[in-house]
C-alpha atoms as a PDB file:
ATOM      1  CA  PHE A   1       0.382  -0.333   0.193  1.00  0.00           C
ATOM      2  CA  ASN A   2       2.675   2.233   0.555  1.00  0.00           C
ATOM      3  CA  ALA A   3       4.603   2.336  -2.448  1.00  0.00           C
ATOM      4  CA  THR A   4       0.930   2.545  -4.152  1.00  0.00           C
ATOM      5  CA  MET A   5       0.555   5.590  -2.370  1.00  0.00           C
ATOM      6  CA  SER A   6       3.274   6.959  -3.301  1.00  0.00           C
ATOM      7  CA  ALA A   7       3.304   6.424  -6.648  1.00  0.00           C
ATOM      8  CA  GLY A   8       0.510   8.188  -6.126  1.00  0.00           C
ATOM      9  CA  GLN A   9       1.593  11.421  -4.711  1.00  0.00           C
ATOM     10  CA  LYS A  10       4.426  11.735  -7.142  1.00  0.00           C
ATOM     11  CA  ALA A  11       1.669  11.771  -9.926  1.00  0.00           C
ATOM     12  CA  SER A  12      -0.788  14.193  -8.213  1.00  0.00           C
ATOM     13  CA  GLU A  13      -3.242  11.647  -7.924  1.00  0.00           C
ATOM     14  CA  THR A  14      -4.869  12.604  -4.050  1.00  0.00           C
ATOM     15  CA  GLN A  15      -7.956  10.564  -4.780  1.00  0.00           C
ATOM     16  CA  ILE A  16      -5.946   7.280  -4.958  1.00  0.00           C
ATOM     17  CA  ALA A  17      -4.019   8.145  -2.454  1.00  0.00           C
ATOM     18  CA  LEU A  18      -6.944   8.568   0.135  1.00  0.00           C
ATOM     19  CA  LYS A  19      -9.109   5.493  -1.402  1.00  0.00           C
ATOM     20  CA  LEU A  20      -5.455   3.581  -0.806  1.00  0.00           C
ATOM     21  CA  PHE A  21      -5.591   5.157   2.809  1.00  0.00           C
ATOM     22  CA  ASN A  22      -8.915   4.581   3.532  1.00  0.00           C
ATOM     23  CA  MET A  23      -8.936   0.723   2.041  1.00  0.00           C
ATOM     24  CA  MET A  24      -6.047   0.609   4.734  1.00  0.00           C
ATOM     25  CA  ALA A  25      -8.050   1.605   7.540  1.00  0.00           C
ATOM     26  CA  TRP A  26     -11.145  -0.480   6.332  1.00  0.00           C
ATOM     27  CA  SER A  27      -9.060  -3.703   6.058  1.00  0.00           C
ATOM     28  CA  LYS A  28      -7.506  -3.259   9.486  1.00  0.00           C
ATOM     29  CA  LEU A  29      -3.582  -2.428   8.406  1.00  0.00           C
ATOM     30  CA  GLU A  30      -1.635  -0.484  10.247  1.00  0.00           C
ATOM     31  CA  ALA A  31      -0.744   2.852   8.764  1.00  0.00           C
ATOM     32  CA  SER A  32       2.939   4.107   9.386  1.00  0.00           C
ATOM     33  CA  VAL A  33       4.721   7.128   9.400  1.00  0.00           C
ATOM     34  CA  VAL A  34       5.341   6.690   6.002  1.00  0.00           C
ATOM     35  CA  THR A  35       1.390   5.671   4.964  1.00  0.00           C
ATOM     36  CA  PHE A  36       0.885   9.124   6.511  1.00  0.00           C
ATOM     37  CA  ASN A  37       3.112  10.862   4.691  1.00  0.00           C
ATOM     38  CA  ALA A  38       2.611   9.791   1.457  1.00  0.00           C
ATOM     39  CA  VAL A  39      -0.720  10.715   1.393  1.00  0.00           C
ATOM     40  CA  ILE A  40      -0.440  14.290   3.267  1.00  0.00           C
ATOM     41  CA  SER A  41       2.324  15.063   0.401  1.00  0.00           C
ATOM     42  CA  ALA A  42      -0.129  14.041  -1.925  1.00  0.00           C
ATOM     43  CA  CYS A  43      -2.308  16.508  -0.403  1.00  0.00           C
ATOM     44  CA  GLU A  44      -0.112  18.688  -0.319  1.00  0.00           C
ATOM     45  CA  LYS A  45       0.853  18.716  -4.610  1.00  0.00           C
ATOM     46  CA  ASN A  46      -3.030  19.045  -4.538  1.00  0.00           C
ATOM     47  CA  ARG A  47      -3.270  22.056  -2.363  1.00  0.00           C
ATOM     48  CA  ASN A  48      -5.901  19.827  -0.075  1.00  0.00           C
ATOM     49  CA  TRP A  49      -5.524  21.617   3.042  1.00  0.00           C
ATOM     50  CA  LYS A  50      -8.325  20.839   5.106  1.00  0.00           C
ATOM     51  CA  ARG A  51      -7.364  16.645   3.883  1.00  0.00           C
ATOM     52  CA  ALA A  52      -3.945  17.246   4.921  1.00  0.00           C
ATOM     53  CA  SER A  53      -4.348  18.859   8.678  1.00  0.00           C
ATOM     54  CA  GLU A  54      -6.917  16.573   9.379  1.00  0.00           C
ATOM     55  CA  LEU A  55      -3.960  13.630   8.667  1.00  0.00           C
ATOM     56  CA  VAL A  56      -2.024  15.103  10.492  1.00  0.00           C
ATOM     57  CA  ILE A  57      -4.523  14.842  13.727  1.00  0.00           C
ATOM     58  CA  GLU A  58      -5.707  11.708  13.020  1.00  0.00           C
ATOM     59  CA  MET A  59      -2.060  10.452  13.306  1.00  0.00           C
ATOM     60  CA  ALA A  60      -2.668  10.355  17.213  1.00  0.00           C
ATOM     61  CA  GLN A  61      -5.518   8.452  16.609  1.00  0.00           C
ATOM     62  CA  TYR A  62      -3.193   5.842  14.996  1.00  0.00           C
ATOM     63  CA  ASN A  63      -0.354   6.304  17.658  1.00  0.00           C
ATOM     64  CA  VAL A  64       1.577   7.223  14.760  1.00  0.00           C
ATOM     65  CA  GLU A  65       4.319  10.022  16.048  1.00  0.00           C
ATOM     66  CA  SER A  66       4.689  12.732  13.136  1.00  0.00           C
ATOM     67  CA  ASN A  67       8.256  13.948  11.949  1.00  0.00           C
ATOM     68  CA  MET A  68       9.362  16.587   9.945  1.00  0.00           C
ATOM     69  CA  ILE A  69       8.103  15.423   6.174  1.00  0.00           C
ATOM     70  CA  THR A  70       4.530  14.999   8.044  1.00  0.00           C
ATOM     71  CA  VAL A  71       4.453  18.895   9.389  1.00  0.00           C
ATOM     72  CA  SER A  72       6.669  19.981   6.477  1.00  0.00           C
ATOM     73  CA  ALA A  73       3.649  18.728   3.465  1.00  0.00           C
ATOM     74  CA  ALA A  74       1.070  20.090   5.579  1.00  0.00           C
ATOM     75  CA  ILE A  75       2.063  23.606   6.351  1.00  0.00           C
ATOM     76  CA  SER A  76       3.237  23.492   2.578  1.00  0.00           C
ATOM     77  CA  ALA A  77      -0.415  22.320   1.778  1.00  0.00           C
ATOM     78  CA  CYS A  78      -1.822  25.115   3.903  1.00  0.00           C
ATOM     79  CA  GLU A  79       0.733  27.441   2.028  1.00  0.00           C
ATOM     80  CA  LYS A  80      -0.511  26.643  -1.446  1.00  0.00           C
ATOM     81  CA  ALA A  81      -4.202  27.137  -0.281  1.00  0.00           C
ATOM     82  CA  SER A  82      -3.864  30.833   1.083  1.00  0.00           C
ATOM     83  CA  LYS A  83      -4.331  29.176   4.525  1.00  0.00           C
ATOM     84  CA  TRP A  84      -1.528  31.002   6.832  1.00  0.00           C
ATOM     85  CA  THR A  85      -3.833  30.609   9.446  1.00  0.00           C
ATOM     86  CA  LYS A  86      -3.760  26.833   9.435  1.00  0.00           C
ATOM     87  CA  ALA A  87       0.146  27.005   8.614  1.00  0.00           C
ATOM     88  CA  VAL A  88       0.726  28.748  12.035  1.00  0.00           C
ATOM     89  CA  HIS A  89      -1.622  26.639  13.719  1.00  0.00           C
ATOM     90  CA  ILE A  90       0.577  23.138  12.489  1.00  0.00           C
ATOM     91  CA  PHE A  91       3.743  24.915  13.383  1.00  0.00           C
ATOM     92  CA  CYS A  92       3.006  25.969  17.075  1.00  0.00           C
ATOM     93  CA  GLU A  93       2.064  22.346  17.763  1.00  0.00           C
ATOM     94  CA  MET A  94       5.599  21.302  16.811  1.00  0.00           C
ATOM     95  CA  GLU A  95       7.427  20.745  19.790  1.00  0.00           C
ATOM     96  CA  LYS A  96      10.884  21.118  18.053  1.00  0.00           C
ATOM     97  CA  PRO A  97      10.696  23.303  14.769  1.00  0.00           C
ATOM     98  CA  ASN A  98      13.565  23.322  12.677  1.00  0.00           C
ATOM     99  CA  THR A  99      14.349  25.787   9.534  1.00  0.00           C
ATOM    100  CA  ILE A 100      12.684  24.055   6.961  1.00  0.00           C
ATOM    101  CA  THR A 101       9.190  23.925   9.293  1.00  0.00           C
ATOM    102  CA  TYR A 102       9.960  27.602   9.823  1.00  0.00           C
ATOM    103  CA  ASN A 103      10.642  28.477   6.435  1.00  0.00           C
ATOM    104  CA  ALA A 104       7.785  27.023   5.350  1.00  0.00           C
ATOM    105  CA  THR A 105       5.651  28.543   7.489  1.00  0.00           C
ATOM    106  CA  ILE A 106       7.092  32.193   7.107  1.00  0.00           C
ATOM    107  CA  SER A 107       6.509  31.441   3.295  1.00  0.00           C
ATOM    108  CA  ALA A 108       3.242  30.975   4.292  1.00  0.00           C
ATOM    109  CA  CYS A 109       2.664  33.984   6.280  1.00  0.00           C
ATOM    110  CA  GLU A 110       4.316  36.262   3.836  1.00  0.00           C
ATOM    111  CA  LYS A 111       1.904  34.739   0.646  1.00  0.00           C
ATOM    112  CA  GLY A 112      -1.328  35.042   3.187  1.00  0.00           C
ATOM    113  CA  GLY A 113       0.186  38.429   3.960  1.00  0.00           C
ATOM    114  CA  ALA A 114       0.864  38.150   7.203  1.00  0.00           C
ATOM    115  CA  LEU A 115       3.611  40.118   7.044  1.00  0.00           C
ATOM    116  CA  GLU A 116       4.347  40.824  11.036  1.00  0.00           C
ATOM    117  CA  THR A 117       3.446  36.956  11.652  1.00  0.00           C
ATOM    118  CA  ALA A 118       6.356  36.140   9.507  1.00  0.00           C
ATOM    119  CA  LEU A 119       8.695  38.695  10.759  1.00  0.00           C
ATOM    120  CA  HIS A 120       7.805  37.398  14.065  1.00  0.00           C
ATOM    121  CA  LEU A 121       8.937  33.679  13.056  1.00  0.00           C
ATOM    122  CA  LEU A 122      11.789  34.975  11.785  1.00  0.00           C
ATOM    123  CA  GLY A 123      13.113  36.570  14.774  1.00  0.00           C
ATOM    124  CA  LYS A 124      12.413  33.514  16.509  1.00  0.00           C
ATOM    125  CA  MET A 125      14.892  30.949  14.049  1.00  0.00           C
END
């Protein structure tokens, strides 16, 4: 399932990745961080910020810990959809943000016209 979802993500086929993810759940197969990253990245490529954000929350329900790839993809999905406040919310949930997640969040703020927030984050880096 993971390899097929990853292929769907690379081909920007969000619906295929989401359908496979749902099939895994129905089949009682365990989703891993790789599974979530593939689906969230597919959502990011297609500007499906809402589903990407939901998947980050669902990870906790599956007892799967997110990583920098997960968070960066979700923040980028928000950025591409001009949802800078959601990007900041996801960023603030992180325990240890890194340069990549800072940059993605700052970029989301800049594209959303939230320059004060972008400058604030830049100062915290």
